[in-house]
Amino acid sequence: MNLFKIISDIEQIDPEISERYSFYSRRNLLKFGSNLVAAGIPAIVAGSLNKALAQSGAPSAAAVAVLQYALTLEYLEDEFYRMGLAAAGLVPASDRTVISQISKHEAAHVALLKGALGTAAAAKPTFKYPAGTFTSYPTFLATARALEDTGVAAYKGQAGELINDKPILTTALQIHSVEARHASEVRRILGLKGWVSDTAQTTFTQGGVALKTLPNTTGFSDDSFREAFDEPLTKAQVLAIAAPFLG
């Protein structure tokens, strides 16, 4: 999440934010794995997001629903990585730095969304995970891949619901891009390509344009077209995927 960009944007509405985060030096903020990023700053930004929303009008019911939906997904990912890191001997030393950093990102996402929702924030549900998730590293990574790929598509699928709630849309997009980086990192660890090739996709049209009729695409495989565009998932599709994780 580009916290400096968020801060710059909301300074236009909340000039006092500069005073509230001035004691954090940029050098400290840029430290890899800094607990400041995972803990303090999301709360500050969330408070200013609330102020921005108050000045620009209450968010729509649809936007609040999207935030609640996103919070549930972030709760799931946050708990998943915490439990994985806590499981003795599960995450090898070679991958622990990356998995730890992803875990901190997810904790920051939860903090930001809870702060934005305030007292309306949904309570954390009880989750369950596939057998072997925290005893087998390949199973843990397979679950991480499923969660991250779903999270990327989930945020994308809700962008249209936030078109009239720009502060919330901006925040959602800040999280979305980081979830995509998580997905790519997990795929790298698994030895897979960083992008998704959804073989269920049999149509090749984007924005009303037939991709296979475009110039300079002769010889492109179907995978070349599939991998060039990520498809969104609807809320119903995402909830169907997430259902087995709900206790």
C-alpha atoms as a PDB file:
ATOM      1  CA  MET A   1       0.000   0.000   0.000  1.00  0.00           C
ATOM      2  CA  ASN A   2       1.463   3.416  -0.971  1.00  0.00           C
ATOM      3  CA  LEU A   3       0.851   5.191   2.308  1.00  0.00           C
ATOM      4  CA  PHE A   4       2.540   8.395   1.179  1.00  0.00           C
ATOM      5  CA  LYS A   5       0.114   8.641  -1.759  1.00  0.00           C
ATOM      6  CA  ILE A   6      -2.891   8.107   0.524  1.00  0.00           C
ATOM      7  CA  ILE A   7      -1.579  10.713   2.954  1.00  0.00           C
ATOM      8  CA  SER A   8      -0.977  13.190   0.133  1.00  0.00           C
ATOM      9  CA  ASP A   9      -4.511  12.694  -1.189  1.00  0.00           C
ATOM     10  CA  ILE A  10      -6.299  13.114   2.112  1.00  0.00           C
ATOM     11  CA  GLU A  11      -4.149  16.069   3.167  1.00  0.00           C
ATOM     12  CA  GLN A  12      -6.296  18.019   0.719  1.00  0.00           C
ATOM     13  CA  ILE A  13      -9.284  17.359   2.986  1.00  0.00           C
ATOM     14  CA  ASP A  14      -7.543  16.902   6.339  1.00  0.00           C
ATOM     15  CA  PRO A  15      -4.483  19.210   6.582  1.00  0.00           C
ATOM     16  CA  GLU A  16      -3.978  18.250  10.232  1.00  0.00           C
ATOM     17  CA  ILE A  17      -2.845  14.765   9.274  1.00  0.00           C
ATOM     18  CA  SER A  18       0.656  16.148   8.625  1.00  0.00           C
ATOM     19  CA  GLU A  19       0.988  16.991  12.300  1.00  0.00           C
ATOM     20  CA  ARG A  20      -0.303  13.573  13.376  1.00  0.00           C
ATOM     21  CA  TYR A  21       2.266  11.576  11.410  1.00  0.00           C
ATOM     22  CA  SER A  22       5.180  14.031  11.401  1.00  0.00           C
ATOM     23  CA  PHE A  23       6.928  12.144  14.215  1.00  0.00           C
ATOM     24  CA  TYR A  24       7.361   9.171  11.842  1.00  0.00           C
ATOM     25  CA  SER A  25      10.385   9.892   9.661  1.00  0.00           C
ATOM     26  CA  ARG A  26      10.245   8.682   6.071  1.00  0.00           C
ATOM     27  CA  ARG A  27      13.393   6.729   6.739  1.00  0.00           C
ATOM     28  CA  ASN A  28      11.584   4.729   9.430  1.00  0.00           C
ATOM     29  CA  LEU A  29       8.503   4.259   7.279  1.00  0.00           C
ATOM     30  CA  LEU A  30      10.574   2.778   4.495  1.00  0.00           C
ATOM     31  CA  LYS A  31      12.246   0.171   6.695  1.00  0.00           C
ATOM     32  CA  PHE A  32      11.410  -3.296   5.402  1.00  0.00           C
ATOM     33  CA  GLY A  33       8.974  -4.949   7.764  1.00  0.00           C
ATOM     34  CA  SER A  34       8.554  -1.869   9.961  1.00  0.00           C
ATOM     35  CA  ASN A  35       5.927  -2.376  12.645  1.00  0.00           C
ATOM     36  CA  LEU A  36       4.991   1.279  12.191  1.00  0.00           C
ATOM     37  CA  VAL A  37       3.527   0.481   8.810  1.00  0.00           C
ATOM     38  CA  ALA A  38       1.740  -2.590  10.131  1.00  0.00           C
ATOM     39  CA  ALA A  39       0.299  -0.901  13.185  1.00  0.00           C
ATOM     40  CA  GLY A  40       0.415   2.885  13.642  1.00  0.00           C
ATOM     41  CA  ILE A  41      -0.009   4.404  10.215  1.00  0.00           C
ATOM     42  CA  PRO A  42      -3.152   2.494   9.094  1.00  0.00           C
ATOM     43  CA  ALA A  43      -4.970   3.794  12.167  1.00  0.00           C
ATOM     44  CA  ILE A  44      -3.946   7.378  11.374  1.00  0.00           C
ATOM     45  CA  VAL A  45      -4.984   7.039   7.742  1.00  0.00           C
ATOM     46  CA  ALA A  46      -8.259   5.347   8.680  1.00  0.00           C
ATOM     47  CA  GLY A  47      -9.105   8.200  11.022  1.00  0.00           C
ATOM     48  CA  SER A  48      -8.478  10.728   8.282  1.00  0.00           C
ATOM     49  CA  LEU A  49     -10.453   8.626   5.817  1.00  0.00           C
ATOM     50  CA  ASN A  50     -13.377   8.839   8.222  1.00  0.00           C
ATOM     51  CA  LYS A  51     -12.970  12.604   8.373  1.00  0.00           C
ATOM     52  CA  ALA A  52     -12.821  12.819   4.585  1.00  0.00           C
ATOM     53  CA  LEU A  53     -15.975  10.740   4.295  1.00  0.00           C
ATOM     54  CA  ALA A  54     -17.748  12.914   6.837  1.00  0.00           C
ATOM     55  CA  GLN A  55     -16.943  16.036   4.832  1.00  0.00           C
ATOM     56  CA  SER A  56     -17.836  14.537   1.462  1.00  0.00           C
ATOM     57  CA  GLY A  57     -21.030  12.875   2.649  1.00  0.00           C
ATOM     58  CA  ALA A  58     -21.800   9.483   4.096  1.00  0.00           C
ATOM     59  CA  PRO A  59     -20.685   6.540   1.965  1.00  0.00           C
ATOM     60  CA  SER A  60     -23.423   4.688   0.172  1.00  0.00           C
ATOM     61  CA  ALA A  61     -24.861   1.508   1.625  1.00  0.00           C
ATOM     62  CA  ALA A  62     -23.247  -0.341  -1.285  1.00  0.00           C
ATOM     63  CA  ALA A  63     -19.823   1.066  -0.382  1.00  0.00           C
ATOM     64  CA  VAL A  64     -20.195   0.074   3.275  1.00  0.00           C
ATOM     65  CA  ALA A  65     -21.208  -3.413   2.169  1.00  0.00           C
ATOM     66  CA  VAL A  66     -18.066  -3.629   0.024  1.00  0.00           C
ATOM     67  CA  LEU A  67     -15.892  -2.558   2.957  1.00  0.00           C
ATOM     68  CA  GLN A  68     -17.481  -5.209   5.190  1.00  0.00           C
ATOM     69  CA  TYR A  69     -16.983  -7.812   2.480  1.00  0.00           C
ATOM     70  CA  ALA A  70     -13.336  -6.769   2.046  1.00  0.00           C
ATOM     71  CA  LEU A  71     -12.803  -6.828   5.809  1.00  0.00           C
ATOM     72  CA  THR A  72     -14.016 -10.437   6.002  1.00  0.00           C
ATOM     73  CA  LEU A  73     -11.504 -11.456   3.313  1.00  0.00           C
ATOM     74  CA  GLU A  74      -8.719  -9.559   5.063  1.00  0.00           C
ATOM     75  CA  TYR A  75      -9.610 -11.155   8.415  1.00  0.00           C
ATOM     76  CA  LEU A  76      -9.272 -14.548   6.726  1.00  0.00           C
ATOM     77  CA  GLU A  77      -5.888 -13.778   5.165  1.00  0.00           C
ATOM     78  CA  ASP A  78      -4.562 -12.115   8.319  1.00  0.00           C
ATOM     79  CA  GLU A  79      -5.421 -15.118  10.489  1.00  0.00           C
ATOM     80  CA  PHE A  80      -4.121 -17.559   7.866  1.00  0.00           C
ATOM     81  CA  TYR A  81      -0.629 -16.041   7.761  1.00  0.00           C
ATOM     82  CA  ARG A  82      -0.461 -15.545  11.522  1.00  0.00           C
ATOM     83  CA  MET A  83      -1.282 -19.211  12.085  1.00  0.00           C
ATOM     84  CA  GLY A  84       1.178 -20.307   9.422  1.00  0.00           C
ATOM     85  CA  LEU A  85       4.015 -18.349  10.976  1.00  0.00           C
ATOM     86  CA  ALA A  86       3.097 -19.629  14.448  1.00  0.00           C
ATOM     87  CA  ALA A  87       3.139 -23.285  13.334  1.00  0.00           C
ATOM     88  CA  ALA A  88       6.481 -24.740  14.389  1.00  0.00           C
ATOM     89  CA  GLY A  89       8.647 -25.763  11.450  1.00  0.00           C
ATOM     90  CA  LEU A  90       6.046 -24.990   8.792  1.00  0.00           C
ATOM     91  CA  VAL A  91       7.546 -22.006   6.938  1.00  0.00           C
ATOM     92  CA  PRO A  92      11.190 -22.644   5.986  1.00  0.00           C
ATOM     93  CA  ALA A  93      13.796 -20.021   6.829  1.00  0.00           C
ATOM     94  CA  SER A  94      14.283 -19.266   3.125  1.00  0.00           C
ATOM     95  CA  ASP A  95      10.688 -18.040   2.795  1.00  0.00           C
ATOM     96  CA  ARG A  96      10.005 -16.722   6.265  1.00  0.00           C
ATOM     97  CA  THR A  97      10.930 -13.097   5.520  1.00  0.00           C
ATOM     98  CA  VAL A  98       8.509 -12.917   2.592  1.00  0.00           C
ATOM     99  CA  ILE A  99       5.661 -14.691   4.402  1.00  0.00           C
ATOM    100  CA  SER A 100       6.200 -12.479   7.464  1.00  0.00           C
ATOM    101  CA  GLN A 101       6.014  -9.358   5.342  1.00  0.00           C
ATOM    102  CA  ILE A 102       2.805 -10.523   3.642  1.00  0.00           C
ATOM    103  CA  SER A 103       1.374 -11.191   7.105  1.00  0.00           C
ATOM    104  CA  LYS A 104       2.186  -7.622   8.185  1.00  0.00           C
ATOM    105  CA  HIS A 105       0.501  -6.261   5.073  1.00  0.00           C
ATOM    106  CA  GLU A 106      -2.667  -8.214   5.826  1.00  0.00           C
ATOM    107  CA  ALA A 107      -2.667  -6.950   9.414  1.00  0.00           C
ATOM    108  CA  ALA A 108      -2.362  -3.393   8.081  1.00  0.00           C
ATOM    109  CA  HIS A 109      -5.288  -3.965   5.710  1.00  0.00           C
ATOM    110  CA  VAL A 110      -7.461  -5.191   8.576  1.00  0.00           C
ATOM    111  CA  ALA A 111      -6.497  -2.195  10.705  1.00  0.00           C
ATOM    112  CA  LEU A 112      -7.301   0.252   7.926  1.00  0.00           C
ATOM    113  CA  LEU A 113     -10.675  -1.276   7.032  1.00  0.00           C
ATOM    114  CA  LYS A 114     -11.727  -1.551  10.680  1.00  0.00           C
ATOM    115  CA  GLY A 115     -10.721   2.046  11.240  1.00  0.00           C
ATOM    116  CA  ALA A 116     -12.675   3.211   8.209  1.00  0.00           C
ATOM    117  CA  LEU A 117     -15.797   1.324   9.309  1.00  0.00           C
ATOM    118  CA  GLY A 118     -15.500   2.331  12.936  1.00  0.00           C
ATOM    119  CA  THR A 119     -18.181   0.870  15.169  1.00  0.00           C
ATOM    120  CA  ALA A 120     -19.895  -0.598  12.107  1.00  0.00           C
ATOM    121  CA  ALA A 121     -16.985  -2.974  11.480  1.00  0.00           C
ATOM    122  CA  ALA A 122     -18.089  -6.595  11.444  1.00  0.00           C
ATOM    123  CA  ALA A 123     -16.662  -8.916  14.079  1.00  0.00           C
ATOM    124  CA  LYS A 124     -14.060 -11.401  12.946  1.00  0.00           C
ATOM    125  CA  PRO A 125     -15.732 -14.683  11.947  1.00  0.00           C
ATOM    126  CA  THR A 126     -14.516 -18.122  12.959  1.00  0.00           C
ATOM    127  CA  PHE A 127     -12.508 -19.678  10.130  1.00  0.00           C
ATOM    128  CA  LYS A 128     -11.514 -23.220   9.249  1.00  0.00           C
ATOM    129  CA  TYR A 129      -8.836 -24.399   6.846  1.00  0.00           C
ATOM    130  CA  PRO A 130      -8.193 -27.493   4.702  1.00  0.00           C
ATOM    131  CA  ALA A 131      -6.653 -30.474   6.451  1.00  0.00           C
ATOM    132  CA  GLY A 132      -2.889 -30.204   6.533  1.00  0.00           C
ATOM    133  CA  THR A 133      -2.818 -26.433   5.972  1.00  0.00           C
ATOM    134  CA  PHE A 134      -0.576 -25.811   8.974  1.00  0.00           C
ATOM    135  CA  THR A 135       1.353 -29.077   8.958  1.00  0.00           C
ATOM    136  CA  SER A 136       2.267 -29.338   5.270  1.00  0.00           C
ATOM    137  CA  TYR A 137       4.079 -26.439   3.609  1.00  0.00           C
ATOM    138  CA  PRO A 138       2.875 -27.371   0.075  1.00  0.00           C
ATOM    139  CA  THR A 139      -0.724 -27.354   1.389  1.00  0.00           C
ATOM    140  CA  PHE A 140      -0.115 -24.013   3.117  1.00  0.00           C
ATOM    141  CA  LEU A 141       1.217 -22.503  -0.124  1.00  0.00           C
ATOM    142  CA  ALA A 142      -1.645 -23.963  -2.180  1.00  0.00           C
ATOM    143  CA  THR A 143      -4.114 -22.361   0.231  1.00  0.00           C
ATOM    144  CA  ALA A 144      -2.183 -19.066   0.122  1.00  0.00           C
ATOM    145  CA  ARG A 145      -2.320 -19.115  -3.666  1.00  0.00           C
ATOM    146  CA  ALA A 146      -6.090 -19.694  -3.640  1.00  0.00           C
ATOM    147  CA  LEU A 147      -6.671 -16.908  -1.088  1.00  0.00           C
ATOM    148  CA  GLU A 148      -4.467 -14.358  -2.847  1.00  0.00           C
ATOM    149  CA  ASP A 149      -5.772 -15.038  -6.360  1.00  0.00           C
ATOM    150  CA  THR A 150      -9.337 -14.806  -5.043  1.00  0.00           C
ATOM    151  CA  GLY A 151      -8.581 -11.603  -3.145  1.00  0.00           C
ATOM    152  CA  VAL A 152      -7.227  -9.876  -6.252  1.00  0.00           C
ATOM    153  CA  ALA A 153     -10.302 -10.801  -8.285  1.00  0.00           C
ATOM    154  CA  ALA A 154     -12.624  -9.892  -5.407  1.00  0.00           C
ATOM    155  CA  TYR A 155     -11.370  -6.304  -5.114  1.00  0.00           C
ATOM    156  CA  LYS A 156     -11.521  -5.908  -8.877  1.00  0.00           C
ATOM    157  CA  GLY A 157     -15.082  -7.205  -8.988  1.00  0.00           C
ATOM    158  CA  GLN A 158     -16.312  -4.557  -6.540  1.00  0.00           C
ATOM    159  CA  ALA A 159     -14.669  -1.488  -8.099  1.00  0.00           C
ATOM    160  CA  GLY A 160     -17.858  -0.559  -9.939  1.00  0.00           C
ATOM    161  CA  GLU A 161     -19.785  -0.434  -6.667  1.00  0.00           C
ATOM    162  CA  LEU A 162     -17.443   2.278  -5.385  1.00  0.00           C
ATOM    163  CA  ILE A 163     -17.425   4.595  -8.384  1.00  0.00           C
ATOM    164  CA  ASN A 164     -19.369   7.274  -6.479  1.00  0.00           C
ATOM    165  CA  ASP A 165     -17.373   6.838  -3.257  1.00  0.00           C
ATOM    166  CA  LYS A 166     -13.952   7.960  -4.397  1.00  0.00           C
ATOM    167  CA  PRO A 167     -12.139   7.967  -1.015  1.00  0.00           C
ATOM    168  CA  ILE A 168     -13.186   4.356  -0.488  1.00  0.00           C
ATOM    169  CA  LEU A 169     -12.423   3.401  -4.092  1.00  0.00           C
ATOM    170  CA  THR A 170      -8.926   4.853  -3.744  1.00  0.00           C
ATOM    171  CA  THR A 171      -8.303   2.865  -0.571  1.00  0.00           C
ATOM    172  CA  ALA A 172      -9.621  -0.349  -2.139  1.00  0.00           C
ATOM    173  CA  LEU A 173      -7.326   0.094  -5.137  1.00  0.00           C
ATOM    174  CA  GLN A 174      -4.349   0.688  -2.834  1.00  0.00           C
ATOM    175  CA  ILE A 175      -5.035  -2.675  -1.202  1.00  0.00           C
ATOM    176  CA  HIS A 176      -5.849  -4.420  -4.497  1.00  0.00           C
ATOM    177  CA  SER A 177      -2.429  -3.780  -6.036  1.00  0.00           C
ATOM    178  CA  VAL A 178      -0.639  -5.148  -2.968  1.00  0.00           C
ATOM    179  CA  GLU A 179      -2.809  -8.289  -2.988  1.00  0.00           C
ATOM    180  CA  ALA A 180      -1.697  -8.795  -6.595  1.00  0.00           C
ATOM    181  CA  ARG A 181       1.925  -8.589  -5.489  1.00  0.00           C
ATOM    182  CA  HIS A 182       1.221 -11.136  -2.757  1.00  0.00           C
ATOM    183  CA  ALA A 183      -0.290 -13.489  -5.332  1.00  0.00           C
ATOM    184  CA  SER A 184       2.769 -13.127  -7.545  1.00  0.00           C
ATOM    185  CA  GLU A 185       5.160 -13.773  -4.630  1.00  0.00           C
ATOM    186  CA  VAL A 186       3.301 -16.929  -3.596  1.00  0.00           C
ATOM    187  CA  ARG A 187       3.380 -18.122  -7.202  1.00  0.00           C
ATOM    188  CA  ARG A 188       7.121 -17.440  -7.353  1.00  0.00           C
ATOM    189  CA  ILE A 189       7.700 -19.571  -4.247  1.00  0.00           C
ATOM    190  CA  LEU A 190       5.664 -22.345  -5.867  1.00  0.00           C
ATOM    191  CA  GLY A 191       7.766 -22.108  -9.025  1.00  0.00           C
ATOM    192  CA  LEU A 192       4.812 -20.870 -11.081  1.00  0.00           C
ATOM    193  CA  LYS A 193       4.400 -17.915 -13.412  1.00  0.00           C
ATOM    194  CA  GLY A 194       3.419 -14.716 -11.650  1.00  0.00           C
ATOM    195  CA  TRP A 195       0.314 -14.217 -13.757  1.00  0.00           C
ATOM    196  CA  VAL A 196      -2.862 -16.286 -14.004  1.00  0.00           C
ATOM    197  CA  SER A 197      -3.981 -18.344 -16.965  1.00  0.00           C
ATOM    198  CA  ASP A 198      -7.618 -19.229 -16.392  1.00  0.00           C
ATOM    199  CA  THR A 199      -8.342 -22.104 -18.737  1.00  0.00           C
ATOM    200  CA  ALA A 200     -12.042 -21.698 -18.006  1.00  0.00           C
ATOM    201  CA  GLN A 201     -11.889 -18.481 -20.022  1.00  0.00           C
ATOM    202  CA  THR A 202     -12.996 -19.344 -23.548  1.00  0.00           C
ATOM    203  CA  THR A 203     -14.022 -15.899 -24.798  1.00  0.00           C
ATOM    204  CA  PHE A 204     -11.393 -13.354 -25.707  1.00  0.00           C
ATOM    205  CA  THR A 205     -13.059  -9.966 -25.578  1.00  0.00           C
ATOM    206  CA  GLN A 206     -12.066  -7.014 -23.408  1.00  0.00           C
ATOM    207  CA  GLY A 207     -13.984  -3.730 -23.367  1.00  0.00           C
ATOM    208  CA  GLY A 208     -15.953  -4.844 -26.394  1.00  0.00           C
ATOM    209  CA  VAL A 209     -12.761  -5.482 -28.381  1.00  0.00           C
ATOM    210  CA  ALA A 210     -12.151  -8.934 -29.882  1.00  0.00           C
ATOM    211  CA  LEU A 211      -8.552  -9.536 -28.860  1.00  0.00           C
ATOM    212  CA  LYS A 212      -7.789 -12.106 -31.525  1.00  0.00           C
ATOM    213  CA  THR A 213      -8.640  -9.623 -34.274  1.00  0.00           C
ATOM    214  CA  LEU A 214      -6.128  -7.011 -33.088  1.00  0.00           C
ATOM    215  CA  PRO A 215      -3.070  -6.271 -35.238  1.00  0.00           C
ATOM    216  CA  ASN A 216       0.302  -7.718 -34.256  1.00  0.00           C
ATOM    217  CA  THR A 217      -1.238 -10.657 -32.372  1.00  0.00           C
ATOM    218  CA  THR A 218      -0.631 -13.329 -35.001  1.00  0.00           C
ATOM    219  CA  GLY A 219       0.740 -16.428 -33.337  1.00  0.00           C
ATOM    220  CA  PHE A 220      -0.442 -15.490 -29.852  1.00  0.00           C
ATOM    221  CA  SER A 221      -1.593 -18.513 -27.890  1.00  0.00           C
ATOM    222  CA  ASP A 222      -4.851 -18.516 -25.955  1.00  0.00           C
ATOM    223  CA  ASP A 223      -2.788 -18.345 -22.767  1.00  0.00           C
ATOM    224  CA  SER A 224      -1.096 -15.174 -24.020  1.00  0.00           C
ATOM    225  CA  PHE A 225      -4.490 -13.476 -24.158  1.00  0.00           C
ATOM    226  CA  ARG A 226      -5.735 -14.980 -20.876  1.00  0.00           C
ATOM    227  CA  GLU A 227      -2.634 -13.931 -18.974  1.00  0.00           C
ATOM    228  CA  ALA A 228      -2.708 -10.350 -20.265  1.00  0.00           C
ATOM    229  CA  PHE A 229      -5.979  -9.540 -18.469  1.00  0.00           C
ATOM    230  CA  ASP A 230      -7.152 -10.456 -14.978  1.00  0.00           C
ATOM    231  CA  GLU A 231     -10.835 -11.244 -14.729  1.00  0.00           C
ATOM    232  CA  PRO A 232     -12.965  -9.959 -11.832  1.00  0.00           C
ATOM    233  CA  LEU A 233     -15.120 -12.183  -9.652  1.00  0.00           C
ATOM    234  CA  THR A 234     -18.572 -11.244  -8.447  1.00  0.00           C
ATOM    235  CA  LYS A 235     -19.368 -11.166  -4.747  1.00  0.00           C
ATOM    236  CA  ALA A 236     -21.427 -14.346  -5.136  1.00  0.00           C
ATOM    237  CA  GLN A 237     -18.512 -16.136  -6.810  1.00  0.00           C
ATOM    238  CA  VAL A 238     -16.074 -15.031  -4.119  1.00  0.00           C
ATOM    239  CA  LEU A 239     -18.399 -16.015  -1.278  1.00  0.00           C
ATOM    240  CA  ALA A 240     -18.824 -19.447  -2.869  1.00  0.00           C
ATOM    241  CA  ILE A 241     -15.027 -19.858  -2.858  1.00  0.00           C
ATOM    242  CA  ALA A 242     -14.738 -18.539   0.708  1.00  0.00           C
ATOM    243  CA  ALA A 243     -17.610 -20.613   2.106  1.00  0.00           C
ATOM    244  CA  PRO A 244     -15.468 -23.664   2.978  1.00  0.00           C
ATOM    245  CA  PHE A 245     -13.278 -21.419   5.168  1.00  0.00           C
ATOM    246  CA  LEU A 246     -16.158 -20.165   7.286  1.00  0.00           C
ATOM    247  CA  GLY A 247     -16.654 -22.095  10.516  1.00  0.00           C
END
